[in-house]
Amino acid sequence: MQARQVSNVADAIAIIEERGLSHIKVGLFDIDGVMRGKYMSKAKFVASLEKGFAFCDVVLGWDVKDQLYDNAKYTGWHTGYPDAPVRILPHTCRDVIGEEGMLLFIAEFAEEAEALCPRGTLRRVIEKAQSMGFNPFAALEYEFFLFKETPQSIREKNFRNLETITPDWFGYSMIRNSVHADLYQDILSMSETMDFPIEGIHSETGPGVIEAAIAVDSAEAAADKGALFKTFMKVLAQRRDLMATFMAKWSGDYPGQSGHIHLSLQHKDGTSAFYDPSQTHCMSKIQRHFLAGQQALMPEFLCMIAPTINSYSRMIPGFWAPTDATWGVENRTTALRVIPGSASSQRVEYRLGAADANPYLALAAALASGLYGIEHELEPQAQVKGNAYEQTHDASLALPATLWDAAQRFKQSTAAKSCFGETFVEHYVISREWEEREFRKHVTDWEMERYFEII
C-alpha cells in the first residue's frame, strides 16, 4: 500500500504493519502555522487512531519562540496548561523525505480546543461553503529566499550579512535553475513524495529567491499541502546546509515574499460557479459577489492574512504588494486579481497573501469573506485599471498599517465573529496583540542609527 492510498483507520494500521514501523510521526499546526509534533510508538498510535490522544494545550497559548501569552483566557498559568484532545487524520498519511519507510500523519485539536484550531477553523468555513451548495478549490504559491547559512551561522552573525544562495536580480532565470538543477530536482522530488505537487517553480526577482506554485486541490487539502510545503522546504534546505525563510520581508532592499491564494467554487455537480461566458470577463454573478465580499472584508480580516509585525513591511507601494483592497482583471498591482479563463480556470487570486501567513487561516479568511459576499449579495467597487499604486481609492478600502491596528479591526468585526466564531476571534486577537507588545519591548537597529548620536 502507498501512503497516499490510506483513507481510514484500517488502512493506517495495515500500512504500519506492512512497513514494520515501531514509531510513526504525528504533527499538528499551531496558531502561527508552525508544525508541532512527535514520534509516537506503534501501540500508542494505533490506540490513538480510534480514540484520539492528548497534546499539551500550551501550543495554543504560546508564540513562535515558545513564549507564553500573558493575556489568554483559554489556556495559561491560570489553567495549568492541561492536555487537549487531538484526533489523527488517517487520510493525511504521507511518506517523509530523508526517513526511509517513515510515515507522517496530520492531527488536529478536537472538542473545546477545536474552536481555536487553525485547521478546524478552515474546515468550518468549508462546511459553510458546502451548506451553500459549493465545493471550494484552492492553490497556494509561495516565494521564499534561500541562504548559504545554517541555524548556527545566522545566530553567530546576529542575522546580519547573510549570504544568499545566488546573487543579484534574476527572475525566471534558466541559468539559475540549470546551475542549481540538483536543488530544484530535490524540491520537485520532495513535492511528489509528500504529495504537495508543484505546478511550476522558478527563480523570482531578487538574490536567492524562488517561487513555487502548488497544484490546485480541494480547499482543505490545499491548506494541508501549503503547510507541509513550508515545513519541509525548511527541512530540505537545512539538510543541504542552507536556510529557507518565508518571512514577509527580510530586507528593505528587495520585494517581500508573497503567499498568493487562488480560489474558485464549484457547484455540487462539478460545474464552475465562477464561469459565465455571457458576462464581462466571464465573471458569473456568484464570482462577482464572492469578489465583493473579499474586497469589503479584507481590511477587517487582514490580521489573518498578514499575521506578523514583519508582514506590514511588505505592504508598500511599488513592491508587488497591495496597500488597498482593490481589484482588477489580470492586474498584478491590485489586491484581488480576477483571472478570466475557461470553466476549469476561472478564479480569483488573493494577492495580498504573504508567505508568513498560516495557510489554514489565510485560506479561511479569503474563502469566508467571499462566501459572506455571496450570502449578502454584495457588489464590488469599481475595477482598477492601470497601476493601482498611483491611484486614489475609496477610504473604506484602506488597509490597516500595523498588526495592532489590524487586530483591533478584527476584534470589532461582526463579520469575523459570524464567520469564525467569537471564541476564535477573541483568542486570535490576543495572540496578535501579544506579538505587537513583544515587538514594542525591543529597540531596532533603525532607531539606534537614527537617534543615538543626533537627537
Protein backbone atom coordinates (compact mmCIF):
# COMPACT_ATOMS: atom_id res chain seq x y z
CA MET A 1 0.00 0.00 0.00
CA GLN A 2 1.17 3.51 -0.80
CA ALA A 3 0.99 6.23 1.84
CA ARG A 4 -1.47 8.35 -0.13
CA GLN A 5 -3.79 5.37 -0.54
CA VAL A 6 -4.56 5.40 3.17
CA SER A 7 -8.09 6.66 3.72
CA ASN A 8 -9.28 5.22 7.05
CA VAL A 9 -8.16 3.70 10.35
CA ALA A 10 -7.92 0.18 8.93
CA ASP A 11 -5.66 1.38 6.10
CA ALA A 12 -3.43 3.25 8.55
CA ILE A 13 -2.95 0.17 10.70
CA ALA A 14 -2.33 -2.00 7.64
CA ILE A 15 0.43 0.19 6.19
CA ILE A 16 2.19 0.44 9.57
CA GLU A 17 2.15 -3.35 9.85
CA GLU A 18 3.28 -3.71 6.26
CA ARG A 19 6.28 -1.44 6.84
CA GLY A 20 7.14 -2.87 10.24
CA LEU A 21 7.31 0.56 11.85
CA SER A 22 7.96 0.83 15.59
CA HIS A 23 7.22 4.56 15.61
CA ILE A 24 5.22 6.98 13.47
CA LYS A 25 5.40 10.76 13.08
CA VAL A 26 2.35 12.81 14.09
CA GLY A 27 2.13 16.59 13.82
CA LEU A 28 -0.35 19.44 14.06
CA PHE A 29 -0.21 23.14 13.25
CA ASP A 30 -0.39 25.92 15.81
CA ILE A 31 -1.87 29.42 15.54
CA ASP A 32 1.17 30.68 13.61
CA GLY A 33 1.22 27.72 11.22
CA VAL A 34 4.23 26.09 12.88
CA MET A 35 4.13 22.30 12.79
CA ARG A 36 4.46 20.79 16.26
CA GLY A 37 4.72 17.04 16.67
CA LYS A 38 6.47 13.92 17.84
CA TYR A 39 7.40 10.33 17.09
CA MET A 40 4.71 8.08 18.57
CA SER A 41 5.08 4.38 19.36
CA LYS A 42 3.12 1.97 17.22
CA ALA A 43 0.95 0.83 20.16
CA LYS A 44 0.06 4.36 21.19
CA PHE A 45 -0.55 5.44 17.60
CA VAL A 46 -2.90 2.54 16.86
CA ALA A 47 -4.86 3.21 20.04
CA SER A 48 -5.00 6.92 19.19
CA LEU A 49 -6.41 6.29 15.74
CA GLU A 50 -9.66 5.19 17.30
CA LYS A 51 -9.97 7.35 20.40
CA GLY A 52 -7.55 10.23 19.84
CA PHE A 53 -4.76 11.29 22.17
CA ALA A 54 -3.83 14.20 24.42
CA PHE A 55 -1.50 17.06 23.47
CA CYS A 56 -0.48 19.83 25.85
CA ASP A 57 -2.62 22.85 25.04
CA VAL A 58 0.38 25.16 25.54
CA VAL A 59 0.81 25.08 21.75
CA LEU A 60 -2.37 27.16 21.60
CA GLY A 61 -1.01 29.51 24.25
CA TRP A 62 2.48 30.45 23.12
CA ASP A 63 4.17 32.27 20.28
CA VAL A 64 6.69 31.22 17.63
CA LYS A 65 9.51 31.47 20.20
CA ASP A 66 7.65 29.34 22.76
CA GLN A 67 6.95 32.40 24.92
CA LEU A 68 3.69 32.13 26.84
CA TYR A 69 0.86 34.57 26.21
CA ASP A 70 0.01 36.59 29.31
CA ASN A 71 -3.45 37.58 28.12
CA ALA A 72 -5.15 34.35 27.01
CA LYS A 73 -8.36 33.00 28.55
CA TYR A 74 -8.43 29.52 27.01
CA THR A 75 -5.10 28.38 28.46
CA GLY A 76 -2.37 29.79 30.65
CA TRP A 77 -0.88 29.61 34.12
CA HIS A 78 -4.42 30.04 35.43
CA THR A 79 -5.46 26.71 33.86
CA GLY A 80 -2.21 24.83 34.49
CA TYR A 81 -1.74 24.08 30.77
CA PRO A 82 -3.70 20.81 30.67
CA ASP A 83 -3.82 18.38 27.78
CA ALA A 84 -6.30 18.95 24.98
CA PRO A 85 -7.86 16.15 22.90
CA VAL A 86 -6.45 15.60 19.42
CA ARG A 87 -7.63 13.43 16.55
CA ILE A 88 -5.35 11.81 13.98
CA LEU A 89 -6.46 12.12 10.36
CA PRO A 90 -5.71 8.84 8.54
CA HIS A 91 -6.23 10.31 5.05
CA THR A 92 -3.32 12.73 5.57
CA CYS A 93 -0.76 9.89 5.66
CA ARG A 94 2.45 10.70 3.81
CA ASP A 95 5.96 9.40 3.25
CA VAL A 96 8.69 11.53 4.83
CA ILE A 97 11.72 12.73 2.89
CA GLY A 98 15.03 11.55 4.28
CA GLU A 99 13.46 8.88 6.51
CA GLU A 100 13.12 5.64 4.61
CA GLY A 101 9.77 3.99 5.25
CA MET A 102 8.69 6.57 7.85
CA LEU A 103 5.10 7.85 7.79
CA LEU A 104 3.69 11.22 8.82
CA PHE A 105 0.08 11.89 9.82
CA ILE A 106 -1.51 15.30 10.38
CA ALA A 107 -3.60 15.72 13.52
CA GLU A 108 -5.96 18.46 14.71
CA PHE A 109 -7.41 19.63 18.01
CA ALA A 110 -10.86 18.34 18.98
CA GLU A 111 -13.71 19.22 21.36
CA GLU A 112 -13.35 22.63 23.05
CA ALA A 113 -9.89 23.25 21.57
CA GLU A 114 -11.26 22.78 18.06
CA ALA A 115 -12.73 26.29 18.22
CA LEU A 116 -9.15 27.66 18.24
CA CYS A 117 -7.56 25.08 15.93
CA PRO A 118 -6.45 26.64 12.61
CA ARG A 119 -7.32 23.52 10.63
CA GLY A 120 -10.66 23.24 12.40
CA THR A 121 -11.37 26.91 11.68
CA LEU A 122 -10.81 26.38 7.96
CA ARG A 123 -12.94 23.24 7.97
CA ARG A 124 -15.87 25.14 9.48
CA VAL A 125 -15.63 27.69 6.65
CA ILE A 126 -15.52 24.88 4.09
CA GLU A 127 -18.60 23.30 5.69
CA LYS A 128 -20.32 26.66 5.35
CA ALA A 129 -19.47 26.70 1.63
CA GLN A 130 -20.84 23.19 1.24
CA SER A 131 -24.05 24.14 3.04
CA MET A 132 -24.44 26.92 0.45
CA GLY A 133 -24.08 24.39 -2.37
CA PHE A 134 -20.40 24.94 -3.23
CA ASN A 135 -17.18 22.96 -3.15
CA PRO A 136 -14.18 25.30 -2.78
CA PHE A 137 -10.89 24.71 -4.56
CA ALA A 138 -7.60 26.45 -3.92
CA ALA A 139 -3.96 26.61 -4.94
CA LEU A 140 -1.22 28.27 -2.91
CA GLU A 141 2.02 29.68 -4.24
CA TYR A 142 4.98 30.73 -2.13
CA GLU A 143 8.07 32.85 -2.54
CA PHE A 144 11.00 32.08 -0.25
CA PHE A 145 14.65 33.11 -0.01
CA LEU A 146 17.46 30.59 0.29
CA PHE A 147 20.70 31.35 2.11
CA LYS A 148 24.09 29.67 2.40
CA GLU A 149 23.61 29.62 6.15
CA THR A 150 22.78 27.26 9.00
CA PRO A 151 20.74 27.72 12.19
CA GLN A 152 24.08 28.23 13.96
CA SER A 153 25.63 30.66 11.48
CA ILE A 154 22.67 33.04 11.31
CA ARG A 155 22.81 33.42 15.08
CA GLU A 156 26.61 33.81 15.12
CA LYS A 157 26.14 36.61 12.57
CA ASN A 158 23.27 38.05 14.61
CA PHE A 159 21.09 37.70 11.49
CA ARG A 160 23.25 40.23 9.60
CA ASN A 161 25.35 39.98 6.42
CA LEU A 162 23.67 36.75 5.39
CA GLU A 163 24.75 35.18 2.11
CA THR A 164 22.02 34.24 -0.37
CA ILE A 165 22.40 31.13 -2.48
CA THR A 166 22.60 33.24 -5.66
CA PRO A 167 23.41 36.93 -6.23
CA ASP A 168 21.59 39.76 -7.99
CA TRP A 169 18.11 40.13 -9.50
CA PHE A 170 17.40 37.33 -11.98
CA GLY A 171 13.74 36.31 -12.17
CA TYR A 172 12.69 33.31 -14.29
CA SER A 173 16.36 32.55 -14.88
CA MET A 174 17.08 29.42 -16.88
CA ILE A 175 20.73 29.80 -15.88
CA ARG A 176 19.96 29.73 -12.17
CA ASN A 177 17.62 26.72 -12.30
CA SER A 178 20.11 24.84 -14.50
CA VAL A 179 23.19 25.57 -12.41
CA HIS A 180 21.22 24.56 -9.32
CA ALA A 181 19.28 21.82 -11.06
CA ASP A 182 20.06 19.28 -8.33
CA LEU A 183 18.40 21.54 -5.75
CA TYR A 184 15.37 22.14 -7.94
CA GLN A 185 15.09 18.42 -8.65
CA ASP A 186 15.24 17.64 -4.94
CA ILE A 187 12.41 20.12 -4.30
CA LEU A 188 10.33 18.62 -7.09
CA SER A 189 11.02 15.08 -5.88
CA MET A 190 10.00 16.04 -2.33
CA SER A 191 6.80 17.61 -3.61
CA GLU A 192 5.82 14.37 -5.35
CA THR A 193 6.90 12.09 -2.47
CA MET A 194 4.97 14.08 0.12
CA ASP A 195 2.02 14.92 -2.14
CA PHE A 196 2.16 18.67 -2.48
CA PRO A 197 2.89 18.54 -6.22
CA ILE A 198 4.44 21.67 -7.69
CA GLU A 199 2.85 23.00 -10.84
CA GLY A 200 5.70 25.42 -11.51
CA ILE A 201 8.91 26.56 -9.81
CA HIS A 202 11.33 29.30 -10.85
CA SER A 203 13.72 31.93 -9.58
CA GLU A 204 11.99 35.18 -8.64
CA THR A 205 13.30 38.73 -8.76
CA GLY A 206 15.91 39.16 -6.03
CA PRO A 207 19.01 37.27 -4.87
CA GLY A 208 18.30 33.70 -3.86
CA VAL A 209 14.53 33.88 -4.10
CA ILE A 210 12.41 31.06 -5.54
CA GLU A 211 8.69 30.84 -6.20
CA ALA A 212 6.83 27.53 -6.09
CA ALA A 213 3.21 27.14 -7.18
CA ILE A 214 1.44 24.13 -5.66
CA ALA A 215 -1.19 22.40 -7.80
CA VAL A 216 -4.88 23.08 -7.19
CA ASP A 217 -6.88 20.83 -4.87
CA SER A 218 -9.94 20.95 -2.62
CA ALA A 219 -9.52 23.78 -0.12
CA GLU A 220 -8.74 21.62 2.92
CA ALA A 221 -6.21 19.53 1.03
CA ALA A 222 -4.67 22.68 -0.48
CA ALA A 223 -4.08 24.11 3.00
CA ASP A 224 -2.51 20.83 4.19
CA LYS A 225 -0.22 20.93 1.18
CA GLY A 226 0.77 24.54 1.73
CA ALA A 227 1.51 23.99 5.40
CA LEU A 228 3.57 20.86 4.70
CA PHE A 229 5.45 22.55 1.86
CA LYS A 230 6.57 25.40 4.11
CA THR A 231 7.64 22.97 6.84
CA PHE A 232 9.54 20.51 4.70
CA MET A 233 11.09 23.08 2.39
CA LYS A 234 12.91 24.27 5.50
CA VAL A 235 13.85 20.67 6.32
CA LEU A 236 15.20 20.03 2.83
CA ALA A 237 17.20 23.27 2.88
CA GLN A 238 18.77 22.60 6.27
CA ARG A 239 19.73 19.09 5.21
CA ARG A 240 21.77 20.84 2.48
CA ASP A 241 23.31 23.35 4.91
CA LEU A 242 21.02 26.02 3.55
CA MET A 243 18.28 28.09 5.19
CA ALA A 244 14.89 28.90 3.71
CA THR A 245 12.91 31.84 5.04
CA PHE A 246 9.25 32.61 4.47
CA MET A 247 9.39 35.98 6.24
CA ALA A 248 7.19 38.52 4.50
CA LYS A 249 10.20 40.81 4.02
CA TRP A 250 13.70 40.03 5.21
CA SER A 251 15.44 43.04 3.64
CA GLY A 252 14.39 46.56 2.78
CA ASP A 253 16.39 46.26 -0.43
CA TYR A 254 14.19 43.60 -2.04
CA PRO A 255 10.49 42.91 -2.62
CA GLY A 256 8.61 40.98 0.03
CA GLN A 257 7.64 37.34 -0.18
CA SER A 258 4.12 36.52 -1.20
CA GLY A 259 1.82 33.62 -0.43
CA HIS A 260 -0.82 34.18 -3.11
CA ILE A 261 -4.07 32.25 -2.85
CA HIS A 262 -6.00 31.14 -5.94
CA LEU A 263 -9.65 30.34 -5.22
CA SER A 264 -12.65 29.04 -7.14
CA LEU A 265 -16.00 27.47 -6.35
CA GLN A 266 -17.77 24.58 -7.99
CA HIS A 267 -21.42 23.64 -7.79
CA LYS A 268 -22.17 20.22 -6.31
CA ASP A 269 -22.49 18.83 -9.85
CA GLY A 270 -18.86 19.79 -10.56
CA THR A 271 -19.57 22.78 -12.82
CA SER A 272 -17.88 26.11 -12.23
CA ALA A 273 -19.77 28.61 -10.09
CA PHE A 274 -17.47 31.41 -11.29
CA TYR A 275 -17.60 30.96 -15.07
CA ASP A 276 -20.30 32.59 -17.19
CA PRO A 277 -19.21 33.24 -20.79
CA SER A 278 -22.20 35.54 -21.33
CA GLN A 279 -20.83 38.05 -18.80
CA THR A 280 -17.95 40.55 -18.98
CA HIS A 281 -14.64 38.81 -18.22
CA CYS A 282 -16.72 35.60 -17.94
CA MET A 283 -17.49 36.58 -14.34
CA SER A 284 -20.66 34.94 -13.07
CA LYS A 285 -22.93 36.70 -10.61
CA ILE A 286 -21.60 34.37 -7.91
CA GLN A 287 -18.00 35.27 -8.65
CA ARG A 288 -18.85 38.96 -8.59
CA HIS A 289 -20.49 38.66 -5.15
CA PHE A 290 -17.58 36.50 -3.94
CA LEU A 291 -15.08 39.11 -5.09
CA ALA A 292 -17.10 41.87 -3.44
CA GLY A 293 -17.06 40.05 -0.10
CA GLN A 294 -13.31 39.60 -0.28
CA GLN A 295 -12.88 43.28 -1.06
CA ALA A 296 -15.26 44.51 1.64
CA LEU A 297 -13.83 42.35 4.44
CA MET A 298 -10.13 42.48 3.56
CA PRO A 299 -9.44 45.39 5.95
CA GLU A 300 -11.28 43.58 8.76
CA PHE A 301 -9.68 40.17 8.19
CA LEU A 302 -6.18 41.48 7.46
CA CYS A 303 -4.50 40.10 10.58
CA MET A 304 -5.30 36.54 9.39
CA ILE A 305 -3.59 37.30 6.07
CA ALA A 306 -0.76 39.45 7.46
CA PRO A 307 -0.19 37.93 10.92
CA THR A 308 3.25 39.22 11.95
CA ILE A 309 4.94 42.56 12.65
CA ASN A 310 7.07 41.91 9.58
CA SER A 311 4.01 41.40 7.34
CA TYR A 312 3.41 45.14 7.23
CA SER A 313 6.93 45.90 5.99
CA ARG A 314 5.95 44.13 2.76
CA MET A 315 2.86 46.24 2.13
CA ILE A 316 4.39 49.31 0.50
CA PRO A 317 3.68 50.81 -2.94
CA GLY A 318 5.62 49.55 -5.94
CA PHE A 319 6.92 46.31 -4.41
CA TRP A 320 4.26 43.89 -5.70
CA ALA A 321 2.19 44.01 -2.50
CA PRO A 322 -1.16 45.85 -2.37
CA THR A 323 -1.90 48.63 0.11
CA ASP A 324 -5.66 48.90 -0.50
CA ALA A 325 -8.44 46.33 -1.01
CA THR A 326 -8.56 46.87 -4.77
CA TRP A 327 -9.45 44.52 -7.59
CA GLY A 328 -8.63 44.30 -11.25
CA VAL A 329 -8.68 41.91 -14.18
CA GLU A 330 -5.27 40.37 -14.85
CA ASN A 331 -3.79 43.23 -12.84
CA ARG A 332 -0.90 42.39 -10.51
CA THR A 333 -0.95 45.80 -8.81
CA THR A 334 -4.31 45.11 -7.16
CA ALA A 335 -5.09 43.11 -4.02
CA LEU A 336 -7.53 40.85 -5.87
CA ARG A 337 -6.81 39.70 -9.40
CA VAL A 338 -9.66 38.25 -11.41
CA ILE A 339 -8.28 35.66 -13.84
CA PRO A 340 -10.72 35.09 -16.69
CA GLY A 341 -10.49 31.75 -18.40
CA SER A 342 -12.46 28.62 -19.01
CA ALA A 343 -14.85 26.69 -16.81
CA SER A 344 -11.83 24.95 -15.31
CA SER A 345 -9.59 28.00 -14.81
CA GLN A 346 -11.85 30.98 -13.95
CA ARG A 347 -10.75 32.14 -10.49
CA VAL A 348 -9.71 34.93 -8.13
CA GLU A 349 -6.13 35.39 -6.96
CA TYR A 350 -5.91 36.85 -3.45
CA ARG A 351 -2.63 38.69 -4.00
CA LEU A 352 -2.47 40.27 -0.57
CA GLY A 353 -1.45 36.89 0.88
CA ALA A 354 2.08 36.79 2.30
CA ALA A 355 4.45 33.85 2.72
CA ASP A 356 4.48 34.24 6.51
CA ALA A 357 0.76 33.55 6.95
CA ASN A 358 -0.66 30.36 8.43
CA PRO A 359 -2.03 28.59 5.29
CA TYR A 360 -5.15 27.40 7.11
CA LEU A 361 -6.07 30.82 8.45
CA ALA A 362 -5.16 32.77 5.32
CA LEU A 363 -7.31 30.44 3.23
CA ALA A 364 -10.11 30.58 5.80
CA ALA A 365 -10.12 34.40 5.61
CA ALA A 366 -10.03 34.52 1.82
CA LEU A 367 -12.81 31.94 1.48
CA ALA A 368 -15.05 33.14 4.31
CA SER A 369 -15.04 36.72 3.07
CA GLY A 370 -16.05 35.56 -0.41
CA LEU A 371 -18.88 33.44 0.95
CA TYR A 372 -20.04 36.42 3.01
CA GLY A 373 -20.26 38.41 -0.23
CA ILE A 374 -22.40 35.73 -1.87
CA GLU A 375 -24.64 35.45 1.16
CA HIS A 376 -25.23 39.20 1.29
CA GLU A 377 -25.19 39.71 -2.49
CA LEU A 378 -22.51 42.39 -2.23
CA GLU A 379 -21.26 44.26 -5.29
CA PRO A 380 -17.58 45.16 -5.75
CA GLN A 381 -16.41 48.72 -6.06
CA ALA A 382 -15.13 49.91 -9.43
CA GLN A 383 -12.47 47.83 -11.14
CA VAL A 384 -8.98 49.33 -11.07
CA LYS A 385 -7.31 49.65 -14.46
CA GLY A 386 -3.65 50.50 -14.72
CA ASN A 387 -1.26 51.00 -11.81
CA ALA A 388 -3.23 50.75 -8.56
CA TYR A 389 -0.33 52.26 -6.59
CA GLU A 390 -0.65 55.57 -8.43
CA GLN A 391 -4.40 55.93 -7.95
CA THR A 392 -6.54 57.22 -5.10
CA HIS A 393 -9.05 54.73 -3.74
CA ASP A 394 -12.13 54.92 -1.57
CA ALA A 395 -11.23 55.35 2.11
CA SER A 396 -13.15 52.19 3.00
CA LEU A 397 -10.58 50.14 1.06
CA ALA A 398 -7.56 51.34 3.05
CA LEU A 399 -5.79 48.51 4.86
CA PRO A 400 -4.58 48.79 8.47
CA ALA A 401 -0.92 49.83 8.54
CA THR A 402 0.20 47.82 11.59
CA LEU A 403 -0.53 44.48 13.19
CA TRP A 404 -2.04 46.21 16.21
CA ASP A 405 -4.44 48.21 14.06
CA ALA A 406 -5.37 45.09 12.09
CA ALA A 407 -6.05 43.16 15.31
CA GLN A 408 -8.35 45.92 16.55
CA ARG A 409 -10.31 45.88 13.29
CA PHE A 410 -10.65 42.11 13.60
CA LYS A 411 -11.74 42.40 17.24
CA GLN A 412 -14.52 44.83 16.31
CA SER A 413 -15.66 42.89 13.22
CA THR A 414 -19.14 41.39 13.49
CA ALA A 415 -18.43 39.58 10.20
CA ALA A 416 -15.35 37.92 11.73
CA LYS A 417 -17.35 36.65 14.70
CA SER A 418 -20.03 35.37 12.35
CA CYS A 419 -17.54 33.63 10.06
CA PHE A 420 -15.09 32.18 12.60
CA GLY A 421 -16.87 32.24 15.96
CA GLU A 422 -16.38 34.57 18.91
CA THR A 423 -14.07 32.13 20.71
CA PHE A 424 -11.63 32.02 17.81
CA VAL A 425 -11.74 35.78 17.23
CA GLU A 426 -11.07 36.56 20.89
CA HIS A 427 -8.14 34.13 21.13
CA TYR A 428 -6.61 35.10 17.80
CA VAL A 429 -6.78 38.80 18.67
CA ILE A 430 -4.94 38.30 21.96
CA SER A 431 -2.25 36.34 20.11
CA ARG A 432 -1.71 39.23 17.66
CA GLU A 433 -1.79 41.85 20.43
CA TRP A 434 0.82 39.79 22.28
CA GLU A 435 3.01 39.77 19.15
CA GLU A 436 2.82 43.57 18.87
CA ARG A 437 3.57 44.05 22.57
CA GLU A 438 6.61 41.76 22.34
CA PHE A 439 7.92 43.87 19.46
CA ARG A 440 7.49 47.07 21.46
CA LYS A 441 9.94 45.75 24.08
CA HIS A 442 12.80 45.95 21.59
CA VAL A 443 14.94 48.74 20.17
CA THR A 444 15.55 48.38 16.44
CA ASP A 445 18.76 48.99 14.51
CA TRP A 446 16.97 51.79 12.67
CA GLU A 447 16.25 53.61 15.93
CA MET A 448 19.84 53.28 17.10
CA GLU A 449 21.29 54.52 13.82
CA ARG A 450 18.83 57.38 13.56
CA TYR A 451 18.76 58.73 17.11
CA PHE A 452 21.82 57.57 19.08
CA GLU A 453 24.17 60.46 18.27
CA ILE A 454 21.97 63.16 16.82
CA ILE A 455 18.77 63.52 18.75
